[in-house]
Amino acid sequence: HKRIIWACCFSPDDQYFFTGSRDQLVHVWKVKDKSADENEQPVEKSPLKLVDSVTALAVAPQLVDQKNLIAVGLDNGLVQLYTWNE
């Protein structure tokens, strides 16, 4: 991210976490047990670009059609729903 991160949440299986930022992006990260690389990179090569700053994130506690269901709250008051899987 290039701006402040305002939101973070984990997938139901605790294998991924999602971050949302003032830079209007949502990134997906893979949780690793141990890492020698201190500069981890997001799993998703193309982050989700939104129309306003991300202020809230939530992931449904169960998969929907084998995908994570993500609610993204924006600074302009909108809440948008997305699905994601690796």
PDB file of N, CA and C in Angstrom:
ATOM      1  N   HIS A   1       0.840  -1.190   0.000  1.00  0.00           N
ATOM      2  CA  HIS A   1       0.000   0.000   0.000  1.00  0.00           C
ATOM      3  C   HIS A   1       0.877   1.243   0.000  1.00  0.00           C
ATOM      4  N   LYS A   2       0.317   2.291  -0.550  1.00  0.00           N
ATOM      5  CA  LYS A   2       1.039   3.556  -0.598  1.00  0.00           C
ATOM      6  C   LYS A   2       0.476   4.583   0.380  1.00  0.00           C
ATOM      7  N   ARG A   3      -0.649   4.241   1.023  1.00  0.00           N
ATOM      8  CA  ARG A   3      -1.277   5.124   2.010  1.00  0.00           C
ATOM      9  C   ARG A   3      -1.598   4.300   3.250  1.00  0.00           C
ATOM     10  N   ILE A   4      -2.167   4.933   4.253  1.00  0.00           N
ATOM     11  CA  ILE A   4      -2.481   4.272   5.512  1.00  0.00           C
ATOM     12  C   ILE A   4      -3.439   3.087   5.301  1.00  0.00           C
ATOM     13  N   ILE A   5      -3.171   2.001   5.997  1.00  0.00           N
ATOM     14  CA  ILE A   5      -4.052   0.831   5.959  1.00  0.00           C
ATOM     15  C   ILE A   5      -5.093   1.017   7.051  1.00  0.00           C
ATOM     16  N   TRP A   6      -6.357   1.022   6.650  1.00  0.00           N
ATOM     17  CA  TRP A   6      -7.443   1.259   7.589  1.00  0.00           C
ATOM     18  C   TRP A   6      -8.202  -0.008   7.958  1.00  0.00           C
ATOM     19  N   ALA A   7      -7.992  -1.088   7.216  1.00  0.00           N
ATOM     20  CA  ALA A   7      -8.784  -2.284   7.491  1.00  0.00           C
ATOM     21  C   ALA A   7      -7.980  -3.538   7.178  1.00  0.00           C
ATOM     22  N   CYS A   8      -8.205  -4.581   7.995  1.00  0.00           N
ATOM     23  CA  CYS A   8      -7.538  -5.864   7.789  1.00  0.00           C
ATOM     24  C   CYS A   8      -8.440  -6.952   8.361  1.00  0.00           C
ATOM     25  N   CYS A   9      -8.533  -8.081   7.667  1.00  0.00           N
ATOM     26  CA  CYS A   9      -9.298  -9.211   8.198  1.00  0.00           C
ATOM     27  C   CYS A   9      -8.765 -10.507   7.598  1.00  0.00           C
ATOM     28  N   PHE A  10      -9.022 -11.604   8.297  1.00  0.00           N
ATOM     29  CA  PHE A  10      -8.551 -12.923   7.892  1.00  0.00           C
ATOM     30  C   PHE A  10      -9.646 -13.706   7.189  1.00  0.00           C
ATOM     31  N   SER A  11      -9.228 -14.614   6.304  1.00  0.00           N
ATOM     32  CA  SER A  11     -10.164 -15.546   5.679  1.00  0.00           C
ATOM     33  C   SER A  11     -10.631 -16.551   6.735  1.00  0.00           C
ATOM     34  N   PRO A  12     -11.751 -17.230   6.504  1.00  0.00           N
ATOM     35  CA  PRO A  12     -12.268 -18.184   7.499  1.00  0.00           C
ATOM     36  C   PRO A  12     -11.288 -19.310   7.830  1.00  0.00           C
ATOM     37  N   ASP A  13     -10.438 -19.686   6.881  1.00  0.00           N
ATOM     38  CA  ASP A  13      -9.471 -20.769   7.122  1.00  0.00           C
ATOM     39  C   ASP A  13      -8.139 -20.255   7.672  1.00  0.00           C
ATOM     40  N   ASP A  14      -8.028 -18.961   7.915  1.00  0.00           N
ATOM     41  CA  ASP A  14      -6.814 -18.321   8.433  1.00  0.00           C
ATOM     42  C   ASP A  14      -5.598 -18.490   7.525  1.00  0.00           C
ATOM     43  N   GLN A  15      -5.820 -18.753   6.253  1.00  0.00           N
ATOM     44  CA  GLN A  15      -4.719 -18.909   5.305  1.00  0.00           C
ATOM     45  C   GLN A  15      -4.363 -17.601   4.595  1.00  0.00           C
ATOM     46  N   TYR A  16      -5.284 -16.648   4.604  1.00  0.00           N
ATOM     47  CA  TYR A  16      -5.093 -15.381   3.899  1.00  0.00           C
ATOM     48  C   TYR A  16      -5.563 -14.244   4.786  1.00  0.00           C
ATOM     49  N   PHE A  17      -5.015 -13.059   4.534  1.00  0.00           N
ATOM     50  CA  PHE A  17      -5.621 -11.873   5.125  1.00  0.00           C
ATOM     51  C   PHE A  17      -5.704 -10.786   4.071  1.00  0.00           C
ATOM     52  N   PHE A  18      -6.666  -9.925   4.271  1.00  0.00           N
ATOM     53  CA  PHE A  18      -7.004  -8.884   3.313  1.00  0.00           C
ATOM     54  C   PHE A  18      -6.757  -7.536   3.965  1.00  0.00           C
ATOM     55  N   THR A  19      -6.157  -6.610   3.222  1.00  0.00           N
ATOM     56  CA  THR A  19      -5.927  -5.267   3.733  1.00  0.00           C
ATOM     57  C   THR A  19      -6.551  -4.246   2.797  1.00  0.00           C
ATOM     58  N   GLY A  20      -7.126  -3.211   3.389  1.00  0.00           N
ATOM     59  CA  GLY A  20      -7.719  -2.125   2.614  1.00  0.00           C
ATOM     60  C   GLY A  20      -7.131  -0.815   3.077  1.00  0.00           C
ATOM     61  N   SER A  21      -6.970   0.110   2.145  1.00  0.00           N
ATOM     62  CA  SER A  21      -6.210   1.309   2.446  1.00  0.00           C
ATOM     63  C   SER A  21      -6.833   2.568   1.852  1.00  0.00           C
ATOM     64  N   ARG A  22      -6.284   3.667   2.323  1.00  0.00           N
ATOM     65  CA  ARG A  22      -6.666   4.972   1.780  1.00  0.00           C
ATOM     66  C   ARG A  22      -6.271   5.098   0.307  1.00  0.00           C
ATOM     67  N   ASP A  23      -5.351   4.249  -0.152  1.00  0.00           N
ATOM     68  CA  ASP A  23      -4.940   4.293  -1.561  1.00  0.00           C
ATOM     69  C   ASP A  23      -5.967   3.642  -2.489  1.00  0.00           C
ATOM     70  N   GLN A  24      -7.138   3.285  -1.946  1.00  0.00           N
ATOM     71  CA  GLN A  24      -8.263   2.728  -2.695  1.00  0.00           C
ATOM     72  C   GLN A  24      -8.016   1.297  -3.178  1.00  0.00           C
ATOM     73  N   LEU A  25      -7.109   0.582  -2.524  1.00  0.00           N
ATOM     74  CA  LEU A  25      -6.769  -0.776  -2.942  1.00  0.00           C
ATOM     75  C   LEU A  25      -7.082  -1.786  -1.847  1.00  0.00           C
ATOM     76  N   VAL A  26      -7.442  -3.008  -2.281  1.00  0.00           N
ATOM     77  CA  VAL A  26      -7.539  -4.163  -1.392  1.00  0.00           C
ATOM     78  C   VAL A  26      -6.501  -5.163  -1.866  1.00  0.00           C
ATOM     79  N   HIS A  27      -5.608  -5.586  -0.967  1.00  0.00           N
ATOM     80  CA  HIS A  27      -4.598  -6.595  -1.261  1.00  0.00           C
ATOM     81  C   HIS A  27      -4.932  -7.877  -0.505  1.00  0.00           C
ATOM     82  N   VAL A  28      -4.517  -9.002  -1.078  1.00  0.00           N
ATOM     83  CA  VAL A  28      -4.672 -10.302  -0.435  1.00  0.00           C
ATOM     84  C   VAL A  28      -3.283 -10.834  -0.138  1.00  0.00           C
ATOM     85  N   TRP A  29      -3.074 -11.315   1.097  1.00  0.00           N
ATOM     86  CA  TRP A  29      -1.778 -11.815   1.556  1.00  0.00           C
ATOM     87  C   TRP A  29      -1.914 -13.254   2.004  1.00  0.00           C
ATOM     88  N   LYS A  30      -0.903 -14.058   1.764  1.00  0.00           N
ATOM     89  CA  LYS A  30      -0.873 -15.447   2.224  1.00  0.00           C
ATOM     90  C   LYS A  30      -0.182 -15.481   3.579  1.00  0.00           C
ATOM     91  N   VAL A  31      -0.795 -16.166   4.535  1.00  0.00           N
ATOM     92  CA  VAL A  31      -0.205 -16.329   5.855  1.00  0.00           C
ATOM     93  C   VAL A  31       0.796 -17.476   5.783  1.00  0.00           C
ATOM     94  N   LYS A  32       2.013 -17.229   6.222  1.00  0.00           N
ATOM     95  CA  LYS A  32       3.060 -18.252   6.203  1.00  0.00           C
ATOM     96  C   LYS A  32       3.505 -18.523   7.629  1.00  0.00           C
ATOM     97  N   ASP A  33       3.899 -19.770   7.886  1.00  0.00           N
ATOM     98  CA  ASP A  33       4.368 -20.119   9.229  1.00  0.00           C
ATOM     99  C   ASP A  33       5.643 -19.371   9.577  1.00  0.00           C
ATOM    100  N   LYS A  34       6.618 -19.439   8.697  1.00  0.00           N
ATOM    101  CA  LYS A  34       7.883 -18.736   8.893  1.00  0.00           C
ATOM    102  C   LYS A  34       8.323 -18.180   7.556  1.00  0.00           C
ATOM    103  N   SER A  35       9.038 -17.082   7.600  1.00  0.00           N
ATOM    104  CA  SER A  35       9.483 -16.468   6.367  1.00  0.00           C
ATOM    105  C   SER A  35      10.873 -15.872   6.549  1.00  0.00           C
ATOM    106  N   ALA A  36      11.730 -16.112   5.587  1.00  0.00           N
ATOM    107  CA  ALA A  36      13.056 -15.506   5.587  1.00  0.00           C
ATOM    108  C   ALA A  36      13.009 -14.148   4.895  1.00  0.00           C
ATOM    109  N   ASP A  37      11.929 -13.899   4.162  1.00  0.00           N
ATOM    110  CA  ASP A  37      11.791 -12.659   3.410  1.00  0.00           C
ATOM    111  C   ASP A  37      11.002 -11.647   4.239  1.00  0.00           C
ATOM    112  N   GLU A  38      11.643 -10.582   4.654  1.00  0.00           N
ATOM    113  CA  GLU A  38      10.969  -9.581   5.460  1.00  0.00           C
ATOM    114  C   GLU A  38      10.093  -8.659   4.623  1.00  0.00           C
ATOM    115  N   ASN A  39      10.227  -8.712   3.314  1.00  0.00           N
ATOM    116  CA  ASN A  39       9.426  -7.877   2.422  1.00  0.00           C
ATOM    117  C   ASN A  39       8.442  -8.745   1.645  1.00  0.00           C
ATOM    118  N   GLU A  40       7.504  -9.344   2.343  1.00  0.00           N
ATOM    119  CA  GLU A  40       6.523 -10.229   1.715  1.00  0.00           C
ATOM    120  C   GLU A  40       5.705  -9.464   0.687  1.00  0.00           C
ATOM    121  N   GLN A  41       5.297 -10.166  -0.332  1.00  0.00           N
ATOM    122  CA  GLN A  41       4.490  -9.583  -1.392  1.00  0.00           C
ATOM    123  C   GLN A  41       3.074 -10.144  -1.327  1.00  0.00           C
ATOM    124  N   PRO A  42       2.087  -9.374  -1.756  1.00  0.00           N
ATOM    125  CA  PRO A  42       0.720  -9.875  -1.766  1.00  0.00           C
ATOM    126  C   PRO A  42       0.574 -11.078  -2.689  1.00  0.00           C
ATOM    127  N   VAL A  43      -0.397 -11.940  -2.389  1.00  0.00           N
ATOM    128  CA  VAL A  43      -0.704 -13.087  -3.243  1.00  0.00           C
ATOM    129  C   VAL A  43      -1.301 -12.603  -4.560  1.00  0.00           C
ATOM    130  N   GLU A  44      -2.226 -11.673  -4.448  1.00  0.00           N
ATOM    131  CA  GLU A  44      -2.941 -11.166  -5.611  1.00  0.00           C
ATOM    132  C   GLU A  44      -2.040 -10.185  -6.350  1.00  0.00           C
ATOM    133  N   LYS A  45      -1.705 -10.505  -7.585  1.00  0.00           N
ATOM    134  CA  LYS A  45      -0.804  -9.644  -8.362  1.00  0.00           C
ATOM    135  C   LYS A  45      -1.492  -8.360  -8.813  1.00  0.00           C
ATOM    136  N   SER A  46      -2.806  -8.405  -9.011  1.00  0.00           N
ATOM    137  CA  SER A  46      -3.569  -7.222  -9.394  1.00  0.00           C
ATOM    138  C   SER A  46      -4.532  -6.894  -8.267  1.00  0.00           C
ATOM    139  N   PRO A  47      -4.183  -5.943  -7.400  1.00  0.00           N
ATOM    140  CA  PRO A  47      -5.076  -5.631  -6.285  1.00  0.00           C
ATOM    141  C   PRO A  47      -6.401  -5.077  -6.796  1.00  0.00           C
ATOM    142  N   LEU A  48      -7.411  -5.193  -5.973  1.00  0.00           N
ATOM    143  CA  LEU A  48      -8.723  -4.658  -6.302  1.00  0.00           C
ATOM    144  C   LEU A  48      -8.681  -3.145  -6.137  1.00  0.00           C
ATOM    145  N   LYS A  49      -8.923  -2.417  -7.216  1.00  0.00           N
ATOM    146  CA  LYS A  49      -8.911  -0.952  -7.213  1.00  0.00           C
ATOM    147  C   LYS A  49     -10.346  -0.460  -7.098  1.00  0.00           C
ATOM    148  N   LEU A  50     -10.606   0.377  -6.097  1.00  0.00           N
ATOM    149  CA  LEU A  50     -11.951   0.868  -5.843  1.00  0.00           C
ATOM    150  C   LEU A  50     -12.052   2.360  -6.126  1.00  0.00           C
ATOM    151  N   VAL A  51     -13.276   2.890  -6.037  1.00  0.00           N
ATOM    152  CA  VAL A  51     -13.516   4.289  -6.396  1.00  0.00           C
ATOM    153  C   VAL A  51     -13.245   5.264  -5.251  1.00  0.00           C
ATOM    154  N   ASP A  52     -13.033   4.751  -4.035  1.00  0.00           N
ATOM    155  CA  ASP A  52     -12.778   5.620  -2.885  1.00  0.00           C
ATOM    156  C   ASP A  52     -11.925   4.858  -1.873  1.00  0.00           C
ATOM    157  N   SER A  53     -11.478   5.537  -0.845  1.00  0.00           N
ATOM    158  CA  SER A  53     -10.656   4.920   0.190  1.00  0.00           C
ATOM    159  C   SER A  53     -11.415   3.796   0.886  1.00  0.00           C
ATOM    160  N   VAL A  54     -10.703   2.720   1.186  1.00  0.00           N
ATOM    161  CA  VAL A  54     -11.285   1.590   1.905  1.00  0.00           C
ATOM    162  C   VAL A  54     -11.200   1.878   3.399  1.00  0.00           C
ATOM    163  N   THR A  55     -12.347   1.831   4.084  1.00  0.00           N
ATOM    164  CA  THR A  55     -12.374   2.113   5.518  1.00  0.00           C
ATOM    165  C   THR A  55     -12.763   0.903   6.352  1.00  0.00           C
ATOM    166  N   ALA A  56     -13.282  -0.153   5.713  1.00  0.00           N
ATOM    167  CA  ALA A  56     -13.690  -1.348   6.451  1.00  0.00           C
ATOM    168  C   ALA A  56     -13.639  -2.569   5.536  1.00  0.00           C
ATOM    169  N   LEU A  57     -13.324  -3.727   6.131  1.00  0.00           N
ATOM    170  CA  LEU A  57     -13.316  -5.008   5.416  1.00  0.00           C
ATOM    171  C   LEU A  57     -13.915  -6.066   6.326  1.00  0.00           C
ATOM    172  N   ALA A  58     -14.643  -6.992   5.722  1.00  0.00           N
ATOM    173  CA  ALA A  58     -15.139  -8.151   6.462  1.00  0.00           C
ATOM    174  C   ALA A  58     -15.225  -9.322   5.492  1.00  0.00           C
ATOM    175  N   VAL A  59     -14.859 -10.498   5.984  1.00  0.00           N
ATOM    176  CA  VAL A  59     -14.950 -11.711   5.178  1.00  0.00           C
ATOM    177  C   VAL A  59     -15.974 -12.630   5.827  1.00  0.00           C
ATOM    178  N   ALA A  60     -16.869 -13.186   5.016  1.00  0.00           N
ATOM    179  CA  ALA A  60     -17.898 -14.089   5.535  1.00  0.00           C
ATOM    180  C   ALA A  60     -17.236 -15.286   6.212  1.00  0.00           C
ATOM    181  N   PRO A  61     -17.858 -15.833   7.261  1.00  0.00           N
ATOM    182  CA  PRO A  61     -17.264 -16.947   8.006  1.00  0.00           C
ATOM    183  C   PRO A  61     -17.259 -18.275   7.248  1.00  0.00           C
ATOM    184  N   GLN A  62     -17.938 -18.337   6.108  1.00  0.00           N
ATOM    185  CA  GLN A  62     -17.964 -19.548   5.286  1.00  0.00           C
ATOM    186  C   GLN A  62     -17.723 -19.172   3.832  1.00  0.00           C
ATOM    187  N   LEU A  63     -17.171 -20.123   3.073  1.00  0.00           N
ATOM    188  CA  LEU A  63     -16.992 -19.909   1.642  1.00  0.00           C
ATOM    189  C   LEU A  63     -18.347 -19.914   0.941  1.00  0.00           C
ATOM    190  N   VAL A  64     -18.438 -19.163  -0.135  1.00  0.00           N
ATOM    191  CA  VAL A  64     -19.630 -19.122  -0.974  1.00  0.00           C
ATOM    192  C   VAL A  64     -19.205 -19.568  -2.362  1.00  0.00           C
ATOM    193  N   ASP A  65     -19.715 -20.708  -2.814  1.00  0.00           N
ATOM    194  CA  ASP A  65     -19.311 -21.269  -4.109  1.00  0.00           C
ATOM    195  C   ASP A  65     -17.789 -21.412  -4.210  1.00  0.00           C
ATOM    196  N   GLN A  66     -17.178 -21.911  -3.134  1.00  0.00           N
ATOM    197  CA  GLN A  66     -15.732 -22.153  -3.059  1.00  0.00           C
ATOM    198  C   GLN A  66     -14.908 -20.867  -3.070  1.00  0.00           C
ATOM    199  N   LYS A  67     -15.532 -19.729  -2.786  1.00  0.00           N
ATOM    200  CA  LYS A  67     -14.834 -18.439  -2.799  1.00  0.00           C
ATOM    201  C   LYS A  67     -15.081 -17.696  -1.496  1.00  0.00           C
ATOM    202  N   ASN A  68     -14.132 -16.819  -1.135  1.00  0.00           N
ATOM    203  CA  ASN A  68     -14.310 -15.927   0.005  1.00  0.00           C
ATOM    204  C   ASN A  68     -15.238 -14.787  -0.408  1.00  0.00           C
ATOM    205  N   LEU A  69     -16.223 -14.494   0.421  1.00  0.00           N
ATOM    206  CA  LEU A  69     -17.117 -13.367   0.195  1.00  0.00           C
ATOM    207  C   LEU A  69     -16.619 -12.217   1.055  1.00  0.00           C
ATOM    208  N   ILE A  70     -16.318 -11.092   0.415  1.00  0.00           N
ATOM    209  CA  ILE A  70     -15.698  -9.960   1.093  1.00  0.00           C
ATOM    210  C   ILE A  70     -16.599  -8.735   0.968  1.00  0.00           C
ATOM    211  N   ALA A  71     -16.878  -8.097   2.098  1.00  0.00           N
ATOM    212  CA  ALA A  71     -17.596  -6.823   2.111  1.00  0.00           C
ATOM    213  C   ALA A  71     -16.561  -5.720   2.305  1.00  0.00           C
ATOM    214  N   VAL A  72     -16.604  -4.715   1.460  1.00  0.00           N
ATOM    215  CA  VAL A  72     -15.655  -3.607   1.510  1.00  0.00           C
ATOM    216  C   VAL A  72     -16.429  -2.316   1.743  1.00  0.00           C
ATOM    217  N   GLY A  73     -16.134  -1.650   2.854  1.00  0.00           N
ATOM    218  CA  GLY A  73     -16.737  -0.352   3.139  1.00  0.00           C
ATOM    219  C   GLY A  73     -15.838   0.761   2.628  1.00  0.00           C
ATOM    220  N   LEU A  74     -16.455   1.745   1.986  1.00  0.00           N
ATOM    221  CA  LEU A  74     -15.705   2.850   1.392  1.00  0.00           C
ATOM    222  C   LEU A  74     -15.972   4.157   2.134  1.00  0.00           C
ATOM    223  N   ASP A  75     -15.061   5.085   1.996  1.00  0.00           N
ATOM    224  CA  ASP A  75     -15.143   6.383   2.654  1.00  0.00           C
ATOM    225  C   ASP A  75     -16.388   7.159   2.230  1.00  0.00           C
ATOM    226  N   ASN A  76     -16.905   6.901   1.026  1.00  0.00           N
ATOM    227  CA  ASN A  76     -18.089   7.607   0.542  1.00  0.00           C
ATOM    228  C   ASN A  76     -19.396   6.995   1.057  1.00  0.00           C
ATOM    229  N   GLY A  77     -19.310   5.965   1.915  1.00  0.00           N
ATOM    230  CA  GLY A  77     -20.496   5.358   2.508  1.00  0.00           C
ATOM    231  C   GLY A  77     -20.988   4.101   1.819  1.00  0.00           C
ATOM    232  N   LEU A  78     -20.454   3.775   0.668  1.00  0.00           N
ATOM    233  CA  LEU A  78     -20.869   2.564  -0.037  1.00  0.00           C
ATOM    234  C   LEU A  78     -20.269   1.319   0.597  1.00  0.00           C
ATOM    235  N   VAL A  79     -20.994   0.213   0.491  1.00  0.00           N
ATOM    236  CA  VAL A  79     -20.470  -1.099   0.845  1.00  0.00           C
ATOM    237  C   VAL A  79     -20.593  -1.955  -0.405  1.00  0.00           C
ATOM    238  N   GLN A  80     -19.475  -2.539  -0.837  1.00  0.00           N
ATOM    239  CA  GLN A  80     -19.473  -3.361  -2.041  1.00  0.00           C
ATOM    240  C   GLN A  80     -19.084  -4.785  -1.676  1.00  0.00           C
ATOM    241  N   LEU A  81     -19.679  -5.761  -2.370  1.00  0.00           N
ATOM    242  CA  LEU A  81     -19.405  -7.169  -2.131  1.00  0.00           C
ATOM    243  C   LEU A  81     -18.597  -7.745  -3.279  1.00  0.00           C
ATOM    244  N   TYR A  82     -17.610  -8.576  -2.933  1.00  0.00           N
ATOM    245  CA  TYR A  82     -16.746  -9.227  -3.916  1.00  0.00           C
ATOM    246  C   TYR A  82     -16.515 -10.678  -3.491  1.00  0.00           C
ATOM    247  N   THR A  83     -16.174 -11.511  -4.451  1.00  0.00           N
ATOM    248  CA  THR A  83     -15.739 -12.862  -4.136  1.00  0.00           C
ATOM    249  C   THR A  83     -14.304 -13.023  -4.605  1.00  0.00           C
ATOM    250  N   TRP A  84     -13.561 -13.884  -3.903  1.00  0.00           N
ATOM    251  CA  TRP A  84     -12.154 -14.106  -4.241  1.00  0.00           C
ATOM    252  C   TRP A  84     -11.747 -15.522  -3.870  1.00  0.00           C
ATOM    253  N   ASN A  85     -10.928 -16.133  -4.733  1.00  0.00           N
ATOM    254  CA  ASN A  85     -10.208 -17.367  -4.380  1.00  0.00           C
ATOM    255  C   ASN A  85      -8.895 -17.375  -5.137  1.00  0.00           C
ATOM    256  N   GLU A  86      -7.940 -18.128  -4.578  1.00  0.00           N
ATOM    257  CA  GLU A  86      -6.621 -18.148  -5.211  1.00  0.00           C
ATOM    258  C   GLU A  86      -6.670 -19.016  -6.437  1.00  0.00           C
TER     259      GLU A  86
END
